[in-house]
């Protein structure tokens, strides 16, 4: 085993990059010294109406220390909470499956739990509609992580080694061509930072093409990333239009409306001049 995988210890695996950890440690200290005095003064002022000044001052100091420490701890562990938020969907799905199987095996038997799991896996793998549905949403989860990894590579603070505030990956849903992801840009970023880098996004997402456009006319920070993985129009698409327009006959409309004549008599197209018929001599 040592020769197969190497005999050197793996060492520590950092959940958060050291430069990012140092930055948030500095932010935690700033948050403590900014929060504790404000909370202490406000609490002492409110308590002075019901308590004596010395006691109100002590309560204010204690409240400032507690709230400041809580805010500092929250800022300090925010990188870890952010990583857990990135994987929250996968963690929640895994916990639900694990708890469901363990609860079923506890209340019935392991054999019954296995007999329940096997048909479910068979339906997902054997029924094309269910399989395509599961695979489409699985690609949505993959694309969210791949976009985040790609953003971490080329969105950096100039002149510094740590990663800047990465865009916030919002919802993702499957489309006939691939996936569509909504992204919220952090301060300091705009849509021009992604110009000319859609090819890198496509490579990172294992797709053929990627397009980045604004998703809101009101909020410039909200953008949309369309990942093209296949061409839905490459195959034959059946359409009832040839049968409906056969002979320019009447087209079906609402039951309360008269039939619509498709004689192609357009108002904005002038009628061609009709030449008078010449009489035969």
Protein backbone atom coordinates (compact mmCIF):
# COMPACT_ATOMS: atom_id res chain seq x y z
CA UNK A 1 0.00 0.00 0.00
CA UNK A 2 2.87 2.34 0.78
CA UNK A 3 4.51 1.70 -2.59
CA UNK A 4 1.17 2.02 -4.37
CA UNK A 5 0.05 5.34 -2.90
CA UNK A 6 3.39 6.73 -1.70
CA UNK A 7 4.94 6.49 1.75
CA UNK A 8 5.06 10.23 2.43
CA UNK A 9 2.37 11.68 4.69
CA UNK A 10 -0.24 13.79 2.97
CA UNK A 11 0.10 16.59 5.49
CA UNK A 12 -2.60 19.15 6.19
CA UNK A 13 -5.34 19.86 3.69
CA UNK A 14 -6.51 23.47 3.98
CA UNK A 15 -10.25 23.98 3.68
CA UNK A 16 -9.57 27.72 3.23
CA UNK A 17 -6.51 29.21 1.55
CA UNK A 18 -4.03 30.69 4.08
CA UNK A 19 -4.08 34.19 2.50
CA UNK A 20 -7.87 34.25 2.70
CA UNK A 21 -7.73 33.02 6.30
CA UNK A 22 -5.35 35.84 7.28
CA UNK A 23 -7.58 38.43 5.61
CA UNK A 24 -10.64 37.25 7.51
CA UNK A 25 -8.68 37.13 10.77
CA UNK A 26 -7.91 40.83 10.27
CA UNK A 27 -11.57 41.49 9.44
CA UNK A 28 -12.61 39.68 12.62
CA UNK A 29 -10.44 41.95 14.78
CA UNK A 30 -11.82 45.02 13.05
CA UNK A 31 -15.37 43.75 13.52
CA UNK A 32 -14.79 43.19 17.26
CA UNK A 33 -13.39 46.66 17.93
CA UNK A 34 -16.10 48.26 15.79
CA UNK A 35 -19.03 46.37 17.35
CA UNK A 36 -18.13 46.11 21.04
CA UNK A 37 -17.99 49.88 21.84
CA UNK A 38 -21.20 50.65 19.97
CA UNK A 39 -23.14 47.85 21.63
CA UNK A 40 -21.68 48.71 25.03
CA UNK A 41 -22.62 52.41 24.82
CA UNK A 42 -26.13 51.70 23.54
CA UNK A 43 -26.76 49.02 26.16
CA UNK A 44 -25.43 51.20 29.00
CA UNK A 45 -27.64 54.09 27.86
CA UNK A 46 -30.74 51.90 27.79
CA UNK A 47 -30.01 50.24 31.13
CA UNK A 48 -29.34 53.56 32.86
CA UNK A 49 -33.09 54.25 32.94
CA UNK A 50 -33.75 51.20 35.12
CA UNK A 51 -30.38 50.62 36.83
CA UNK A 52 -27.78 52.71 38.58
CA UNK A 53 -24.97 54.15 36.45
CA UNK A 54 -22.21 51.82 37.71
CA UNK A 55 -24.38 48.74 37.22
CA UNK A 56 -25.63 49.94 33.83
CA UNK A 57 -22.04 50.59 32.75
CA UNK A 58 -21.04 47.06 33.78
CA UNK A 59 -23.96 45.55 31.87
CA UNK A 60 -23.01 47.63 28.82
CA UNK A 61 -19.38 46.48 28.93
CA UNK A 62 -20.45 42.84 29.30
CA UNK A 63 -22.95 43.11 26.43
CA UNK A 64 -20.36 44.81 24.20
CA UNK A 65 -17.80 42.09 24.86
CA UNK A 66 -20.30 39.27 24.22
CA UNK A 67 -21.76 40.74 21.02
CA UNK A 68 -18.36 41.84 19.70
CA UNK A 69 -16.91 38.39 20.32
CA UNK A 70 -19.88 36.73 18.60
CA UNK A 71 -19.54 39.00 15.55
CA UNK A 72 -15.77 38.40 15.41
CA UNK A 73 -16.24 34.64 15.55
CA UNK A 74 -18.85 34.83 12.78
CA UNK A 75 -16.52 36.85 10.55
CA UNK A 76 -13.59 34.57 11.35
CA UNK A 77 -15.39 31.34 10.44
CA UNK A 78 -17.20 32.85 7.46
CA UNK A 79 -14.86 31.22 4.88
CA UNK A 80 -15.70 27.81 6.33
CA UNK A 81 -19.42 28.63 6.41
CA UNK A 82 -19.15 29.77 2.81
CA UNK A 83 -17.64 26.45 1.75
CA UNK A 84 -20.39 24.60 3.61
CA UNK A 85 -22.96 26.79 1.85
CA UNK A 86 -21.43 25.93 -1.52
CA UNK A 87 -21.92 22.25 -0.77
CA UNK A 88 -25.20 22.62 1.12
CA UNK A 89 -27.28 20.96 -1.61
CA UNK A 90 -25.06 17.90 -1.79
CA UNK A 91 -24.73 17.69 2.01
CA UNK A 92 -28.51 17.98 2.48
CA UNK A 93 -29.24 15.35 -0.19
CA UNK A 94 -26.67 12.97 1.29
CA UNK A 95 -28.04 13.40 4.81
CA UNK A 96 -31.61 12.85 3.65
CA UNK A 97 -30.67 9.64 1.84
CA UNK A 98 -28.57 8.39 4.74
CA UNK A 99 -31.17 9.20 7.39
CA UNK A 100 -33.96 7.75 5.26
CA UNK A 101 -32.15 4.47 4.68
CA UNK A 102 -31.02 4.17 8.30
CA UNK A 103 -34.53 4.93 9.59
CA UNK A 104 -36.09 2.42 7.20
CA UNK A 105 -33.57 -0.25 8.18
CA UNK A 106 -34.13 0.48 11.87
CA UNK A 107 -37.92 0.26 11.77
CA UNK A 108 -38.07 -2.69 9.35
CA UNK A 109 -34.92 -4.62 8.44
CA UNK A 110 -31.82 -4.14 6.29
CA UNK A 111 -33.27 -6.54 3.72
CA UNK A 112 -36.41 -4.41 3.31
CA UNK A 113 -34.27 -1.27 2.95
CA UNK A 114 -32.21 -2.98 0.23
CA UNK A 115 -35.38 -4.13 -1.54
CA UNK A 116 -36.61 -0.51 -1.55
CA UNK A 117 -33.32 0.93 -2.83
CA UNK A 118 -32.84 -1.53 -5.70
CA UNK A 119 -36.12 -0.68 -7.53
CA UNK A 120 -35.49 3.05 -7.10
CA UNK A 121 -32.01 2.76 -8.59
CA UNK A 122 -33.40 0.56 -11.36
CA UNK A 123 -36.07 3.11 -12.26
CA UNK A 124 -33.53 5.95 -12.33
CA UNK A 125 -31.12 3.94 -14.48
CA UNK A 126 -33.64 2.19 -16.72
CA UNK A 127 -36.38 4.73 -17.44
CA UNK A 128 -35.05 7.27 -19.98
CA UNK A 129 -37.27 10.14 -18.82
CA UNK A 130 -36.27 9.76 -15.16
CA UNK A 131 -32.62 9.23 -16.07
CA UNK A 132 -32.50 12.38 -18.19
CA UNK A 133 -34.19 14.35 -15.41
CA UNK A 134 -31.69 13.21 -12.77
CA UNK A 135 -28.69 13.71 -15.07
CA UNK A 136 -29.86 17.22 -16.01
CA UNK A 137 -30.06 18.34 -12.38
CA UNK A 138 -26.79 16.58 -11.60
CA UNK A 139 -25.13 18.70 -14.31
CA UNK A 140 -26.60 21.82 -12.66
CA UNK A 141 -24.81 20.95 -9.42
CA UNK A 142 -21.57 20.23 -11.31
CA UNK A 143 -21.73 23.49 -13.27
CA UNK A 144 -22.16 25.58 -10.10
CA UNK A 145 -18.95 24.16 -8.66
CA UNK A 146 -17.06 24.39 -11.95
CA UNK A 147 -18.01 28.05 -12.39
CA UNK A 148 -16.87 28.80 -8.85
CA UNK A 149 -13.53 27.12 -9.49
CA UNK A 150 -13.11 29.04 -12.74
CA UNK A 151 -13.95 32.38 -11.08
CA UNK A 152 -11.36 31.66 -8.38
CA UNK A 153 -8.71 31.27 -11.07
CA UNK A 154 -9.09 34.50 -13.04
CA UNK A 155 -10.86 36.90 -10.66
CA UNK A 156 -8.09 38.07 -8.34
CA UNK A 157 -7.16 41.28 -6.61
CA UNK A 158 -4.44 43.05 -8.64
CA UNK A 159 -1.06 42.96 -6.90
CA UNK A 160 -2.18 40.56 -4.16
CA UNK A 161 -2.01 36.85 -3.81
CA UNK A 162 -5.41 36.17 -2.29
CA UNK A 163 -8.61 35.63 -4.18
CA UNK A 164 -10.97 38.58 -4.34
CA UNK A 165 -14.61 38.40 -3.37
CA UNK A 166 -15.90 35.71 -5.68
CA UNK A 167 -19.26 36.07 -7.39
CA UNK A 168 -22.17 34.50 -5.58
CA UNK A 169 -23.53 31.52 -7.49
CA UNK A 170 -27.32 31.61 -7.22
CA UNK A 171 -29.82 29.22 -8.75
CA UNK A 172 -29.20 26.86 -11.65
CA UNK A 173 -31.69 24.98 -13.78
CA UNK A 174 -31.46 22.71 -16.82
CA UNK A 175 -32.35 23.91 -20.30
CA UNK A 176 -32.83 22.00 -23.58
CA UNK A 177 -29.31 23.05 -24.62
CA UNK A 178 -27.54 22.65 -21.26
CA UNK A 179 -27.75 24.66 -18.06
CA UNK A 180 -28.61 28.21 -17.05
CA UNK A 181 -26.99 29.73 -13.95
CA UNK A 182 -27.68 33.06 -12.28
CA UNK A 183 -24.69 34.81 -10.72
CA UNK A 184 -24.52 37.85 -8.43
CA UNK A 185 -21.33 39.88 -8.86
CA UNK A 186 -19.66 41.31 -5.79
CA UNK A 187 -18.52 44.97 -5.54
CA UNK A 188 -15.50 45.62 -7.72
CA UNK A 189 -16.67 43.34 -10.51
CA UNK A 190 -18.83 43.92 -13.56
CA UNK A 191 -19.78 42.18 -16.76
CA UNK A 192 -16.66 43.43 -18.56
CA UNK A 193 -14.48 41.33 -16.26
CA UNK A 194 -15.92 38.27 -18.01
CA UNK A 195 -15.50 39.58 -21.56
CA UNK A 196 -13.32 37.28 -23.63
CA UNK A 197 -13.38 34.59 -20.95
CA UNK A 198 -16.45 32.68 -21.97
CA UNK A 199 -14.18 30.12 -23.61
CA UNK A 200 -12.56 29.44 -20.23
CA UNK A 201 -16.01 29.07 -18.68
CA UNK A 202 -16.95 26.53 -21.36
CA UNK A 203 -13.73 24.58 -20.80
CA UNK A 204 -14.22 24.60 -17.03
CA UNK A 205 -17.80 23.35 -17.37
CA UNK A 206 -16.87 20.64 -19.92
CA UNK A 207 -19.26 22.23 -22.41
CA UNK A 208 -19.14 23.42 -25.99
CA UNK A 209 -20.03 27.07 -25.47
CA UNK A 210 -20.81 29.58 -22.72
CA UNK A 211 -22.62 32.91 -22.97
CA UNK A 212 -22.74 35.62 -20.29
CA UNK A 213 -25.46 38.29 -20.40
CA UNK A 214 -27.19 40.63 -17.97
CA UNK A 215 -30.18 39.03 -16.29
CA UNK A 216 -31.81 42.19 -14.95
CA UNK A 217 -32.30 45.70 -16.29
CA UNK A 218 -32.44 47.05 -12.73
CA UNK A 219 -29.51 45.28 -11.09
CA UNK A 220 -26.23 45.28 -13.02
CA UNK A 221 -24.76 42.76 -10.58
CA UNK A 222 -27.19 40.04 -11.63
CA UNK A 223 -25.90 38.18 -14.68
CA UNK A 224 -26.86 34.94 -16.39
CA UNK A 225 -24.50 32.26 -17.66
CA UNK A 226 -25.90 29.97 -20.37
CA UNK A 227 -23.96 26.75 -20.81
CA UNK A 228 -24.48 25.05 -24.18
CA UNK A 229 -23.79 21.35 -24.03
CA UNK A 230 -25.83 20.10 -27.00
CA UNK A 231 -27.85 21.43 -29.91
CA UNK A 232 -31.56 20.67 -29.38
CA UNK A 233 -32.32 21.55 -33.02
CA UNK A 234 -29.80 19.14 -34.50
CA UNK A 235 -32.36 16.34 -34.67
CA UNK A 236 -35.61 16.27 -36.67
CA UNK A 237 -38.26 18.47 -35.08
CA UNK A 238 -41.82 17.64 -36.05
CA UNK A 239 -44.11 20.59 -36.64
CA UNK A 240 -47.85 20.75 -37.49
CA UNK A 241 -47.43 23.95 -39.52
CA UNK A 242 -47.24 22.26 -42.93
CA UNK A 243 -50.63 20.65 -42.40
CA UNK A 244 -52.14 23.86 -41.03
CA UNK A 245 -50.87 26.00 -43.93
CA UNK A 246 -51.67 23.50 -46.66
CA UNK A 247 -53.31 25.50 -49.40
CA UNK A 248 -53.40 28.62 -47.20
CA UNK A 249 -56.63 27.39 -45.70
CA UNK A 250 -58.20 28.60 -42.48
CA UNK A 251 -56.03 28.22 -39.40
CA UNK A 252 -57.44 26.99 -36.07
CA UNK A 253 -58.09 29.73 -33.54
CA UNK A 254 -59.93 30.09 -30.26
CA UNK A 255 -63.45 28.56 -30.21
CA UNK A 256 -64.96 32.00 -29.71
CA UNK A 257 -63.20 33.51 -32.72
CA UNK A 258 -64.04 33.10 -36.39
CA UNK A 259 -61.62 31.10 -38.58
CA UNK A 260 -58.55 33.03 -39.64
CA UNK A 261 -57.96 33.10 -43.38
CA UNK A 262 -54.29 32.73 -44.22
CA UNK A 263 -54.46 34.15 -47.70
CA UNK A 264 -51.32 36.18 -46.92
CA UNK A 265 -53.08 39.47 -47.70
CA UNK A 266 -50.71 41.74 -45.81
CA UNK A 267 -51.62 45.39 -45.24
CA UNK A 268 -48.06 46.67 -45.45
CA UNK A 269 -47.36 44.98 -48.80
CA UNK A 270 -48.78 46.91 -51.78
CA UNK A 271 -50.87 45.06 -54.29
CA UNK A 272 -49.17 44.56 -57.69
CA UNK A 273 -50.72 46.56 -60.53
CA UNK A 274 -53.17 44.59 -62.59
CA UNK A 275 -52.76 45.07 -66.31
CA UNK A 276 -55.99 45.31 -68.30
CA UNK A 277 -56.71 42.42 -70.56
CA UNK A 278 -56.17 43.07 -74.24
CA UNK A 279 -59.13 42.42 -76.50
CA UNK A 280 -58.61 40.05 -79.32
CA UNK A 281 -59.17 41.54 -82.78
